[in-house]
Protein backbone atom coordinates (compact mmCIF):
# COMPACT_ATOMS: atom_id res chain seq x y z
CA MET A 1 88.10 101.33 90.08
CA HIS A 2 87.96 104.36 92.25
CA ARG A 3 90.54 105.90 94.58
CA ARG A 4 89.42 103.98 97.68
CA THR A 5 90.09 100.66 95.98
CA PHE A 6 93.52 101.88 94.93
CA LEU A 7 94.47 102.79 98.46
CA THR A 8 93.41 99.37 99.68
CA THR A 9 95.63 97.57 97.21
CA LEU A 10 98.75 99.45 98.19
CA ALA A 11 100.11 98.32 101.27
CA ALA A 12 101.28 98.91 102.62
CA GLY A 13 98.65 98.70 101.62
CA LEU A 14 97.85 101.57 100.93
CA ALA A 15 94.13 101.43 101.55
CA ALA A 16 91.42 103.71 102.79
CA ILE A 17 88.31 101.60 103.24
CA PRO A 18 86.90 100.60 106.61
CA LEU A 19 87.80 97.04 107.43
CA LEU A 20 85.69 94.75 109.60
CA PRO A 21 87.89 92.24 111.41
CA ALA A 22 86.16 88.90 111.74
CA LEU A 23 86.68 86.81 114.82
CA ALA A 24 88.11 83.32 114.49
CA ALA A 25 87.25 80.41 116.80
CA GLY A 26 88.46 81.07 120.31
CA GLY A 27 88.18 84.85 119.94
CA GLU A 28 91.41 85.29 117.97
CA THR A 29 91.56 87.81 115.18
CA PRO A 30 92.36 86.06 111.87
CA MET A 31 95.06 87.06 109.46
CA HIS A 32 94.01 89.63 106.89
CA GLY A 33 94.88 89.48 103.19
CA LEU A 34 94.58 91.75 100.19
CA ILE A 35 95.21 91.00 96.52
CA GLY A 36 94.99 93.76 93.96
CA LYS A 37 95.88 94.45 90.36
CA LEU A 38 96.75 97.97 89.34
CA ARG A 39 97.73 99.45 86.01
CA ALA A 40 100.63 101.86 85.68
CA VAL A 41 100.73 104.75 83.28
CA PRO A 42 102.33 103.30 80.11
CA GLY A 43 106.07 102.88 80.60
CA GLN A 44 105.93 103.63 84.35
CA ARG A 45 105.53 100.11 85.77
CA PRO A 46 109.16 99.86 87.00
CA ALA A 47 108.95 103.24 88.73
CA LEU A 48 105.62 102.37 90.34
CA ALA A 49 106.93 98.99 91.51
CA ALA A 50 109.99 100.65 93.05
CA ILE A 51 107.80 103.03 95.06
CA LEU A 52 105.59 100.20 96.29
CA LEU A 53 108.57 98.08 97.31
CA GLU A 54 110.53 100.77 99.14
CA ALA A 55 107.63 101.59 101.47
CA THR A 56 107.34 98.03 102.77
CA THR A 57 110.41 97.61 104.95
CA ALA A 58 108.97 98.56 108.36
CA MET A 59 105.25 97.90 108.63
CA PRO A 60 104.35 96.35 112.00
CA GLY A 61 102.04 93.38 111.57
CA CYS A 62 102.85 92.86 107.88
CA LEU A 63 103.67 89.19 107.39
CA SER A 64 104.05 89.31 103.61
CA TYR A 65 103.99 92.03 100.96
CA VAL A 66 104.69 90.98 97.38
CA VAL A 67 104.72 93.22 94.30
CA ALA A 68 104.72 91.24 91.06
CA GLU A 69 104.72 92.11 87.37
CA ASP A 70 101.83 90.74 85.33
CA GLY A 71 103.24 88.33 82.75
CA GLU A 72 100.76 89.32 80.04
CA ASP A 73 100.21 93.04 80.62
CA GLU A 74 103.33 95.21 80.48
CA ASP A 75 101.70 97.97 82.51
CA ALA A 76 100.07 95.86 85.25
CA LEU A 77 101.27 95.01 88.76
CA TRP A 78 99.81 92.62 91.33
CA VAL A 79 100.15 93.39 95.04
CA THR A 80 99.57 90.57 97.52
CA GLU A 81 99.57 91.38 101.24
CA VAL A 82 99.17 89.32 104.41
CA TRP A 83 98.75 91.02 107.78
CA ASP A 84 98.51 89.59 111.28
CA ASN A 85 95.08 91.27 111.44
CA ALA A 86 93.02 93.98 109.75
CA ASP A 87 93.84 96.53 112.44
CA SER A 88 97.57 96.31 111.65
CA HIS A 89 96.83 96.96 108.00
CA GLN A 90 94.68 99.95 108.85
CA ALA A 91 97.37 101.33 111.20
CA SER A 92 99.99 101.04 108.44
CA LEU A 93 98.15 103.73 106.50
CA GLN A 94 99.29 106.30 109.05
CA LEU A 95 102.99 105.48 108.71
CA PRO A 96 104.94 108.36 107.14
CA ALA A 97 106.65 106.06 104.62
CA VAL A 98 103.31 104.63 103.47
CA ARG A 99 101.66 108.04 103.21
CA ASP A 100 104.63 109.32 101.20
CA ALA A 101 104.47 106.28 98.90
CA ILE A 102 100.78 106.86 98.24
CA ALA A 103 101.43 110.48 97.29
CA ARG A 104 104.32 109.58 94.97
CA ALA A 105 102.53 106.60 93.40
CA ARG A 106 99.26 108.35 92.51
CA PRO A 107 100.56 110.10 89.36
CA LEU A 108 101.97 106.80 88.06
CA ILE A 109 98.70 104.87 88.35
CA ALA A 110 96.41 104.71 85.34
CA GLY A 111 93.74 102.53 86.95
CA PHE A 112 92.75 99.43 88.87
CA ASP A 113 91.58 96.12 87.53
CA SER A 114 90.65 94.08 90.57
CA HIS A 115 90.80 93.90 94.34
CA VAL A 116 89.86 91.21 96.84
CA THR A 117 90.08 90.87 100.59
CA THR A 118 91.03 87.42 101.87
CA ARG A 119 91.44 85.55 105.16
CA PRO A 120 94.77 83.72 104.87
CA LEU A 121 94.85 80.36 106.62
CA GLY A 122 98.61 79.79 106.48
CA GLY A 123 101.33 78.81 104.08
CA VAL A 124 105.07 79.05 103.49
CA GLY A 125 106.41 81.92 105.54
CA LEU A 126 103.18 82.40 107.50
CA SER A 127 102.41 81.01 110.90
CA ASP A 128 99.08 79.23 110.99
């Protein structure tokens, strides 16, 4: 995967692709989700996870941001994000803490395995 996909998967997302918010029934903007798998430089998964987690404490519009270790790949992390809308996610990329995290995380990332954009409908912890 290329750099743009990487930025999208970080939260904080840490993305740099244009996002097209879809309109839900009644003119409301739907929630926006991202799920991505990234691979750390061998032995650097804990350090990369720490960077991703510390940048997530104050992101307006972020409803959920989860960093998880892959159970089968010792260098892989999964990042799952839910935002109140795509615009909030895009705005998060200008936050100083997120920009700093991107800069510090880049040298620890060996590559990207997958990335999807979703439209969350609800669930535990999310208002539907």
